[in-house]
């Protein structure tokens, strides 16, 4: 999922996907995975996700909250 989000962000027309159902589904899946303790999250994946959302100009608070939560847990 992170790779897909990263590729969308790198695409010249990436912002055109923001309202697309598939994009919203991908976004929801990322949030769900970030909050799921059973899913291992690599630091690089968290960073790539944060970068992708920033690049797209997407201020999705659940994604930011989830990635921030993951960073905080990894620091503990």
C-alpha atoms as a PDB file:
ATOM      1  CA  UNK A   1       0.000   0.000   0.000  1.00  0.00           C
ATOM      2  CA  UNK A   2       2.808   2.396   0.853  1.00  0.00           C
ATOM      3  CA  UNK A   3       4.464   1.793  -2.520  1.00  0.00           C
ATOM      4  CA  UNK A   4       1.205   2.547  -4.314  1.00  0.00           C
ATOM      5  CA  UNK A   5       0.766   5.792  -2.373  1.00  0.00           C
ATOM      6  CA  UNK A   6       4.373   6.766  -3.069  1.00  0.00           C
ATOM      7  CA  UNK A   7       3.918   6.149  -6.803  1.00  0.00           C
ATOM      8  CA  UNK A   8       0.759   8.239  -6.890  1.00  0.00           C
ATOM      9  CA  UNK A   9       2.597  11.095  -5.169  1.00  0.00           C
ATOM     10  CA  UNK A  10       5.458  10.885  -7.675  1.00  0.00           C
ATOM     11  CA  UNK A  11       3.116  10.953 -10.667  1.00  0.00           C
ATOM     12  CA  UNK A  12       2.789  14.337 -12.415  1.00  0.00           C
ATOM     13  CA  UNK A  13      -0.997  14.079 -12.166  1.00  0.00           C
ATOM     14  CA  UNK A  14      -1.036  12.505  -8.693  1.00  0.00           C
ATOM     15  CA  UNK A  15      -3.312  15.129  -7.169  1.00  0.00           C
ATOM     16  CA  UNK A  16      -5.967  14.145  -9.658  1.00  0.00           C
ATOM     17  CA  UNK A  17      -6.453  10.910  -7.722  1.00  0.00           C
ATOM     18  CA  UNK A  18      -7.369  12.554  -4.410  1.00  0.00           C
ATOM     19  CA  UNK A  19     -11.131  12.195  -4.808  1.00  0.00           C
ATOM     20  CA  UNK A  20     -11.001   8.812  -6.535  1.00  0.00           C
ATOM     21  CA  UNK A  21     -12.709   5.909  -4.736  1.00  0.00           C
ATOM     22  CA  UNK A  22      -9.605   3.749  -5.131  1.00  0.00           C
ATOM     23  CA  UNK A  23      -7.418   6.438  -3.585  1.00  0.00           C
ATOM     24  CA  UNK A  24      -9.793   6.804  -0.646  1.00  0.00           C
ATOM     25  CA  UNK A  25      -9.799   3.033  -0.177  1.00  0.00           C
ATOM     26  CA  UNK A  26      -5.990   2.971  -0.248  1.00  0.00           C
ATOM     27  CA  UNK A  27      -5.880   5.811   2.256  1.00  0.00           C
ATOM     28  CA  UNK A  28      -8.287   3.983   4.587  1.00  0.00           C
ATOM     29  CA  UNK A  29      -6.226   0.792   4.303  1.00  0.00           C
ATOM     30  CA  UNK A  30      -3.063   2.651   5.274  1.00  0.00           C
ATOM     31  CA  UNK A  31      -4.726   4.183   8.316  1.00  0.00           C
ATOM     32  CA  UNK A  32      -6.086   0.786   9.350  1.00  0.00           C
ATOM     33  CA  UNK A  33      -2.662  -0.847   8.949  1.00  0.00           C
ATOM     34  CA  UNK A  34      -0.954   1.889  10.970  1.00  0.00           C
ATOM     35  CA  UNK A  35      -3.341   1.343  13.876  1.00  0.00           C
ATOM     36  CA  UNK A  36      -3.170  -2.462  13.691  1.00  0.00           C
ATOM     37  CA  UNK A  37      -0.597  -3.667  16.223  1.00  0.00           C
ATOM     38  CA  UNK A  38      -0.241  -6.958  14.345  1.00  0.00           C
ATOM     39  CA  UNK A  39       1.143  -5.192  11.261  1.00  0.00           C
ATOM     40  CA  UNK A  40       4.868  -4.514  11.344  1.00  0.00           C
ATOM     41  CA  UNK A  41       5.660  -0.981  10.219  1.00  0.00           C
ATOM     42  CA  UNK A  42       9.151  -0.188   8.956  1.00  0.00           C
ATOM     43  CA  UNK A  43      10.401   3.319   9.669  1.00  0.00           C
ATOM     44  CA  UNK A  44      10.999   3.862   5.947  1.00  0.00           C
ATOM     45  CA  UNK A  45       7.383   2.973   5.176  1.00  0.00           C
ATOM     46  CA  UNK A  46       6.089   5.457   7.736  1.00  0.00           C
ATOM     47  CA  UNK A  47       8.391   8.149   6.319  1.00  0.00           C
ATOM     48  CA  UNK A  48       7.382   7.364   2.732  1.00  0.00           C
ATOM     49  CA  UNK A  49       3.719   7.582   3.640  1.00  0.00           C
ATOM     50  CA  UNK A  50       4.150  10.927   5.383  1.00  0.00           C
ATOM     51  CA  UNK A  51       6.122  12.228   2.384  1.00  0.00           C
ATOM     52  CA  UNK A  52       3.493  11.032  -0.084  1.00  0.00           C
ATOM     53  CA  UNK A  53       0.655  12.755   1.737  1.00  0.00           C
ATOM     54  CA  UNK A  54       2.689  15.952   2.086  1.00  0.00           C
ATOM     55  CA  UNK A  55       3.605  15.872  -1.616  1.00  0.00           C
ATOM     56  CA  UNK A  56      -0.046  15.444  -2.562  1.00  0.00           C
ATOM     57  CA  UNK A  57      -1.028  18.320  -0.285  1.00  0.00           C
ATOM     58  CA  UNK A  58      -3.352  15.962   1.522  1.00  0.00           C
ATOM     59  CA  UNK A  59      -3.944  16.890   5.145  1.00  0.00           C
ATOM     60  CA  UNK A  60      -5.755  13.735   6.197  1.00  0.00           C
ATOM     61  CA  UNK A  61      -5.727  13.924   9.961  1.00  0.00           C
ATOM     62  CA  UNK A  62      -6.252  10.175  10.547  1.00  0.00           C
ATOM     63  CA  UNK A  63      -3.168   9.443   8.423  1.00  0.00           C
ATOM     64  CA  UNK A  64      -1.103  12.074  10.206  1.00  0.00           C
ATOM     65  CA  UNK A  65      -2.351  10.887  13.596  1.00  0.00           C
ATOM     66  CA  UNK A  66      -1.614   7.258  12.727  1.00  0.00           C
ATOM     67  CA  UNK A  67       1.891   7.965  11.439  1.00  0.00           C
ATOM     68  CA  UNK A  68       2.619  10.213  14.420  1.00  0.00           C
ATOM     69  CA  UNK A  69       1.397   7.513  16.759  1.00  0.00           C
ATOM     70  CA  UNK A  70       3.664   4.984  15.051  1.00  0.00           C
ATOM     71  CA  UNK A  71       6.699   7.261  15.369  1.00  0.00           C
ATOM     72  CA  UNK A  72       5.965   7.885  19.036  1.00  0.00           C
ATOM     73  CA  UNK A  73       5.685   4.147  19.735  1.00  0.00           C
ATOM     74  CA  UNK A  74       8.970   3.439  17.989  1.00  0.00           C
ATOM     75  CA  UNK A  75      10.716   6.040  20.163  1.00  0.00           C
ATOM     76  CA  UNK A  76       9.503   4.459  23.405  1.00  0.00           C
END
